[in-house]
Protein backbone atom coordinates (compact mmCIF):
# COMPACT_ATOMS: atom_id res chain seq x y z
CA MET A 1 -72.93 -15.53 40.05
CA THR A 2 -74.54 -18.19 37.76
CA THR A 3 -76.08 -17.44 34.62
CA ALA A 4 -79.38 -19.07 33.56
CA THR A 5 -80.66 -19.71 30.49
CA THR A 6 -83.87 -18.47 29.55
CA PRO A 7 -86.42 -20.54 27.41
CA ALA A 8 -86.13 -18.37 24.21
CA ALA A 9 -82.73 -18.68 24.47
CA ALA A 10 -82.80 -22.47 24.94
CA GLY A 11 -85.53 -22.23 21.72
CA ALA A 12 -82.83 -20.18 19.92
CA LEU A 13 -80.09 -22.77 20.41
CA SER A 14 -81.82 -25.44 19.45
CA SER A 15 -82.91 -23.99 16.12
CA ALA A 16 -79.80 -22.79 15.72
CA THR A 17 -78.38 -26.49 15.89
CA PRO A 18 -80.51 -27.87 13.06
CA ALA A 19 -79.36 -24.88 10.85
CA ALA A 20 -75.30 -25.21 11.38
CA SER A 21 -76.44 -28.77 10.43
CA ALA A 22 -78.15 -27.76 7.18
CA GLY A 23 -75.24 -25.40 6.50
CA ALA A 24 -72.68 -27.63 6.98
CA ARG A 25 -74.47 -29.89 4.41
CA THR A 26 -74.64 -27.44 2.12
CA GLN A 27 -71.15 -26.38 1.94
CA ARG A 28 -70.08 -29.82 1.61
CA ARG A 29 -72.52 -30.32 -1.93
CA ARG A 30 -70.71 -26.91 -2.76
CA ARG A 31 -67.51 -28.24 -2.62
CA ARG A 32 -68.29 -31.39 -4.29
CA ALA A 33 -70.11 -29.96 -6.96
CA LYS A 34 -66.99 -27.53 -7.47
CA HIS A 35 -64.79 -30.57 -8.13
CA PRO A 36 -67.64 -33.33 -10.03
CA VAL A 37 -64.28 -35.23 -11.95
CA ALA A 38 -62.04 -35.54 -9.04
CA HIS A 39 -65.41 -37.12 -6.88
CA THR A 40 -66.14 -39.36 -9.93
CA LEU A 41 -62.53 -40.50 -10.44
CA LEU A 42 -62.51 -40.93 -6.47
CA TYR A 43 -66.16 -43.29 -6.47
CA ALA A 44 -64.45 -45.48 -9.85
CA LEU A 45 -61.21 -46.00 -7.94
CA CYS A 46 -63.32 -46.74 -4.57
CA ALA A 47 -65.27 -49.44 -6.88
CA ILE A 48 -62.33 -50.63 -8.55
CA TRP A 49 -61.14 -51.50 -5.47
CA VAL A 50 -64.12 -53.19 -3.55
CA PHE A 51 -64.95 -55.09 -6.55
CA PRO A 52 -62.50 -58.08 -6.49
CA ILE A 53 -63.66 -58.25 -2.54
CA TYR A 54 -67.28 -58.12 -3.70
CA TRP A 55 -66.25 -61.10 -6.59
CA MET A 56 -64.48 -63.44 -3.81
CA LEU A 57 -67.45 -63.25 -1.86
CA ASN A 58 -69.76 -63.82 -4.38
CA THR A 59 -67.77 -66.46 -5.88
CA SER A 60 -67.58 -68.33 -2.45
CA PHE A 61 -71.42 -68.89 -2.36
CA LYS A 62 -71.47 -70.38 -6.11
CA THR A 63 -71.87 -73.89 -6.66
CA PRO A 64 -68.97 -75.50 -8.52
CA ALA A 65 -70.45 -75.51 -11.78
CA ASP A 66 -71.72 -71.99 -12.07
CA ILE A 67 -67.53 -71.18 -10.31
CA GLU A 68 -66.37 -72.55 -14.11
CA THR A 69 -69.04 -71.00 -16.45
CA THR A 70 -67.71 -68.31 -18.58
CA THR A 71 -71.06 -66.51 -18.09
CA PRO A 72 -70.49 -63.75 -15.34
CA GLN A 73 -72.80 -64.09 -12.70
CA PHE A 74 -73.03 -61.14 -10.42
CA LEU A 75 -75.34 -62.82 -7.91
CA PRO A 76 -74.98 -66.70 -6.65
CA HIS A 77 -77.96 -68.36 -7.92
CA PRO A 78 -78.51 -71.01 -6.35
CA PHE A 79 -77.04 -69.90 -2.92
CA SER A 80 -74.92 -72.28 -1.88
CA VAL A 81 -72.68 -72.94 1.15
CA VAL A 82 -70.82 -76.06 -0.02
CA ASN A 83 -67.38 -74.47 -0.44
CA TYR A 84 -67.48 -73.32 3.29
CA ILE A 85 -67.87 -76.88 4.39
CA ASP A 86 -65.81 -78.27 2.16
CA ALA A 87 -62.93 -75.72 3.37
CA LEU A 88 -63.52 -76.51 7.26
CA THR A 89 -63.68 -80.05 6.75
CA LYS A 90 -60.33 -79.86 4.92
CA ALA A 91 -57.62 -81.69 6.48
CA GLY A 92 -54.79 -79.18 8.29
CA PHE A 93 -57.74 -76.28 8.52
CA VAL A 94 -57.44 -76.45 12.74
CA SER A 95 -53.94 -77.26 13.01
CA SER A 96 -53.08 -74.50 10.65
CA LEU A 97 -55.15 -71.81 11.86
CA LEU A 98 -53.77 -72.66 15.53
CA ASN A 99 -50.31 -72.51 14.23
CA SER A 100 -51.32 -69.17 12.51
CA LEU A 101 -52.44 -67.52 15.66
CA ILE A 102 -49.69 -68.94 18.10
CA VAL A 103 -47.43 -67.52 15.23
CA THR A 104 -48.68 -64.21 14.78
CA LEU A 105 -49.67 -63.16 18.24
CA GLY A 106 -46.10 -64.13 19.34
CA THR A 107 -45.11 -62.00 16.42
CA VAL A 108 -47.11 -59.17 17.41
CA ILE A 109 -46.14 -59.12 21.52
CA VAL A 110 -42.28 -59.85 20.82
CA SER A 111 -42.21 -56.71 18.32
CA ILE A 112 -44.28 -54.62 20.01
CA VAL A 113 -42.14 -55.15 23.34
CA LEU A 114 -38.81 -54.95 21.65
CA GLY A 115 -39.86 -51.85 19.39
CA PHE A 116 -41.04 -49.82 22.95
CA LEU A 117 -37.67 -50.66 24.44
CA ALA A 118 -35.97 -50.05 21.49
CA ALA A 119 -37.39 -46.62 20.67
CA ALA A 120 -37.54 -45.42 24.08
CA ALA A 121 -33.54 -46.05 24.17
CA LEU A 122 -32.69 -44.51 20.76
CA THR A 123 -34.73 -41.42 21.84
CA ARG A 124 -34.65 -40.64 25.73
CA PHE A 125 -31.00 -42.26 26.73
CA ARG A 126 -27.96 -40.79 25.24
CA PHE A 127 -25.33 -43.29 24.54
CA ALA A 128 -22.23 -43.71 21.77
CA GLY A 129 -23.59 -45.10 18.29
CA ARG A 130 -27.22 -44.15 18.49
CA ARG A 131 -26.86 -42.30 15.32
CA ALA A 132 -25.39 -44.93 13.88
CA ILE A 133 -28.08 -47.60 15.06
CA LEU A 134 -31.32 -45.30 13.30
CA ILE A 135 -28.83 -45.22 9.97
CA ALA A 136 -28.34 -49.20 9.90
CA ILE A 137 -32.20 -49.45 10.82
CA ILE A 138 -33.04 -47.80 7.57
CA CYS A 139 -30.71 -49.40 5.82
CA VAL A 140 -32.24 -52.81 6.52
CA GLN A 141 -35.64 -51.63 5.96
CA MET A 142 -34.43 -50.72 2.50
CA ILE A 143 -33.16 -54.32 2.08
CA PRO A 144 -36.23 -56.52 0.34
CA GLY A 145 -37.03 -59.49 2.41
CA THR A 146 -37.16 -61.88 -0.74
CA ALA A 147 -33.10 -60.61 -0.70
CA LEU A 148 -32.55 -61.73 2.82
CA LEU A 149 -34.77 -64.89 2.88
CA ILE A 150 -31.62 -67.01 1.87
CA PRO A 151 -29.50 -65.85 4.03
CA LEU A 152 -31.83 -66.43 6.87
CA PHE A 153 -32.61 -69.87 5.96
CA LEU A 154 -28.71 -70.70 6.17
CA SER A 155 -28.73 -69.12 9.73
CA PHE A 156 -31.48 -70.52 10.99
CA LYS A 157 -30.95 -74.16 9.58
CA SER A 158 -27.25 -73.84 11.29
CA LEU A 159 -28.61 -73.05 14.73
CA GLY A 160 -31.51 -75.52 14.70
CA LEU A 161 -34.29 -73.00 14.14
CA LEU A 162 -36.04 -74.18 11.21
CA ASN A 163 -39.53 -76.30 11.57
CA SER A 164 -40.50 -74.27 14.84
CA TYR A 165 -42.47 -71.77 15.72
CA PHE A 166 -39.89 -69.64 17.75
CA GLY A 167 -37.78 -69.50 14.75
CA LEU A 168 -40.63 -68.22 12.49
CA ILE A 169 -41.61 -65.67 15.02
CA LEU A 170 -37.72 -64.46 14.93
CA ALA A 171 -38.15 -64.24 11.04
CA TYR A 172 -41.28 -62.01 11.05
CA VAL A 173 -39.93 -59.94 14.19
CA ALA A 174 -36.75 -59.25 12.04
CA THR A 175 -39.09 -58.16 9.06
CA VAL A 176 -41.75 -55.80 11.46
CA LEU A 177 -39.28 -54.18 14.33
CA PRO A 178 -37.54 -51.10 11.99
CA PHE A 179 -40.73 -49.97 11.35
CA SER A 180 -42.03 -50.62 14.40
CA ILE A 181 -38.57 -48.53 16.02
CA TRP A 182 -39.29 -45.57 13.70
CA VAL A 183 -43.12 -45.53 14.15
CA LEU A 184 -42.45 -45.92 18.17
CA ARG A 185 -39.44 -43.42 17.68
CA SER A 186 -41.71 -40.43 16.49
CA PHE A 187 -43.79 -40.81 19.33
CA PHE A 188 -41.07 -40.27 21.44
CA VAL A 189 -39.22 -37.83 20.26
CA GLY A 190 -42.41 -35.49 20.91
CA LEU A 191 -42.58 -36.31 24.57
CA PRO A 192 -41.26 -33.38 26.62
CA ASP A 193 -38.45 -33.66 28.97
CA GLU A 194 -40.20 -32.19 31.86
CA ILE A 195 -42.39 -35.68 32.03
CA GLU A 196 -39.34 -37.33 32.37
CA GLU A 197 -37.90 -34.82 35.17
CA ALA A 198 -41.14 -35.17 37.02
CA ALA A 199 -41.58 -38.29 37.82
CA LYS A 200 -37.48 -38.96 38.41
CA VAL A 201 -38.31 -36.06 41.18
CA ASP A 202 -41.13 -37.79 42.66
CA GLY A 203 -38.98 -40.92 43.09
CA ALA A 204 -39.75 -42.84 40.04
CA GLY A 205 -37.51 -45.37 38.57
CA THR A 206 -36.81 -46.27 34.60
CA VAL A 207 -39.14 -49.41 34.82
CA ARG A 208 -42.01 -47.24 36.60
CA ILE A 209 -41.46 -44.33 34.27
CA LEU A 210 -41.75 -46.64 31.20
CA ARG A 211 -44.59 -48.36 32.38
CA SER A 212 -46.87 -45.92 33.83
CA ILE A 213 -45.99 -42.71 31.85
CA TYR A 214 -43.94 -43.71 28.35
CA PHE A 215 -46.49 -46.59 27.63
CA PRO A 216 -49.72 -44.84 27.96
CA LEU A 217 -48.56 -41.98 25.93
CA VAL A 218 -47.16 -43.55 23.09
CA LEU A 219 -50.28 -46.08 23.21
CA PRO A 220 -51.45 -44.99 19.69
CA GLY A 221 -48.25 -45.80 18.45
CA LEU A 222 -48.11 -49.37 19.61
CA ILE A 223 -51.43 -50.19 18.34
CA SER A 224 -50.02 -49.21 14.84
CA THR A 225 -47.06 -51.05 14.81
CA SER A 226 -49.58 -54.17 16.29
CA VAL A 227 -51.59 -53.96 13.13
CA PHE A 228 -48.59 -53.81 10.78
CA ALA A 229 -47.19 -56.94 12.63
CA PHE A 230 -50.52 -59.10 12.72
CA ILE A 231 -50.97 -58.50 8.62
CA ASN A 232 -47.32 -59.18 8.08
CA ALA A 233 -47.10 -62.58 9.95
CA TRP A 234 -50.74 -63.41 9.28
CA ASN A 235 -50.61 -63.06 5.57
CA ASP A 236 -47.54 -63.94 4.90
CA PHE A 237 -46.63 -67.39 2.55
CA ILE A 238 -42.78 -67.35 1.17
CA THR A 239 -40.92 -67.20 4.67
CA ALA A 240 -43.52 -69.71 6.18
CA TYR A 241 -42.95 -72.29 3.48
CA VAL A 242 -39.14 -72.00 3.34
CA MET A 243 -38.69 -72.00 7.26
CA LEU A 244 -41.26 -74.79 7.86
CA GLU A 245 -40.86 -78.49 7.23
CA ASN A 246 -43.66 -80.78 8.70
CA GLN A 247 -47.10 -79.80 7.48
CA SER A 248 -48.26 -80.13 11.24
CA LYS A 249 -46.53 -76.57 11.63
CA TYR A 250 -47.93 -75.21 8.33
CA THR A 251 -49.81 -71.86 8.71
CA LEU A 252 -53.05 -70.90 6.99
CA PRO A 253 -51.00 -69.25 3.97
CA VAL A 254 -49.13 -72.78 3.47
CA TRP A 255 -52.41 -74.62 3.93
CA LEU A 256 -54.21 -72.73 0.89
CA VAL A 257 -51.51 -74.45 -1.28
CA SER A 258 -53.35 -77.90 -0.71
CA PHE A 259 -56.55 -77.01 -2.42
CA SER A 260 -53.84 -77.41 -5.57
CA THR A 261 -53.17 -81.16 -6.38
CA ASN A 262 -52.21 -83.00 -9.29
CA GLU A 263 -55.82 -83.49 -10.11
CA GLY A 264 -56.19 -80.34 -10.36
CA THR A 265 -57.70 -77.29 -8.18
CA ASP A 266 -60.36 -77.25 -6.11
CA TYR A 267 -61.62 -73.37 -6.81
CA GLY A 268 -64.45 -73.28 -4.51
CA GLY A 269 -62.54 -74.16 -1.49
CA LEU A 270 -59.92 -72.20 -2.15
CA ILE A 271 -61.87 -68.79 -2.39
CA ALA A 272 -64.01 -69.75 0.35
CA ALA A 273 -60.85 -70.56 2.85
CA SER A 274 -59.37 -67.60 1.46
CA VAL A 275 -62.67 -65.59 2.49
CA LEU A 276 -61.86 -67.36 6.28
CA PHE A 277 -58.54 -66.36 5.96
CA SER A 278 -59.06 -62.91 5.58
CA LEU A 279 -61.66 -62.81 8.82
CA PRO A 280 -59.25 -62.52 11.43
CA VAL A 281 -57.30 -59.24 10.09
CA VAL A 282 -60.61 -57.46 8.93
CA ILE A 283 -61.75 -58.17 12.89
CA PHE A 284 -58.37 -57.08 13.98
CA PHE A 285 -58.56 -54.11 12.41
CA MET A 286 -62.70 -53.11 13.48
CA ILE A 287 -61.23 -53.55 16.95
CA VAL A 288 -58.57 -51.12 16.40
CA GLN A 289 -59.55 -48.74 13.59
CA ARG A 290 -60.53 -46.07 16.28
CA ASN A 291 -56.72 -45.62 17.12
CA LEU A 292 -55.12 -46.72 14.06
CA VAL A 293 -55.59 -43.29 12.11
CA THR A 294 -53.74 -41.52 15.68
CA GLY A 295 -51.48 -43.87 15.62
CA MET A 296 -50.25 -43.49 11.85
CA SER A 297 -50.21 -39.70 11.99
CA ALA A 298 -49.41 -38.38 15.31
CA GLY A 299 -46.13 -38.05 16.81
CA ALA A 300 -46.69 -35.61 19.80
CA VAL A 301 -48.60 -35.50 23.08
CA LYS A 302 -51.48 -33.17 23.59
CA GLY A 303 -50.82 -30.09 25.94
């Protein structure tokens, strides 16, 4: 038996939708009216956070004379792209960009694979010493990265891993892997055991279960850990500066130092290069932002 929608009911439904929207807007206005101080403070904090980004973009389009003036200019006049031309044509930009891409993508891929397998092993399998491994991961994550830099340098030197992509990727993976394991572990803990049992009844092996069942379910967590690994490897300066000796292997953060010489600092080129340096992170974040919030907050599956 089917129920037909009469024209009167359809009209009532269509008129109720704008009314519901208007009611929701009214409720939001009332909530804002109840907390004017909180909203004003929130807007002020957002303005403080956004202002340095705006000022960097504003300064990147100024002429060198306007950059060094003591009178603030909130809009570039005249509008100039000479700083971006200097940054793009500066020696080492292309090679440093390629180096950063190689190291960052390598770090993201290796950290995701290892984090996924480690989190699966620590949650879905039972073996001796599992709790001790989890405690060790927490302890390692609490140690500041700078405290491990010199021991890491000496270890890599004895192993011949200095001034190499593999060595730098390995150093970054060691930094982001504890975080990746803990984020992914929360997803695996929320998965019901019946999923794995049903897959085994159907004849699926461990590899098939990991690839076809667990991987899609923990994909939001993988996206979150990939963002963390990407930002950590892309923005890092101190580790790359210590581990790399040859300028041909320099990444973009280390290359930015070349704008400061004994003759002075090219602030226009440095700021324009910083804007270009920030673009890949912004683009990557925009691509994965839909799943980022889910990956950071979710730890279970929906039934």
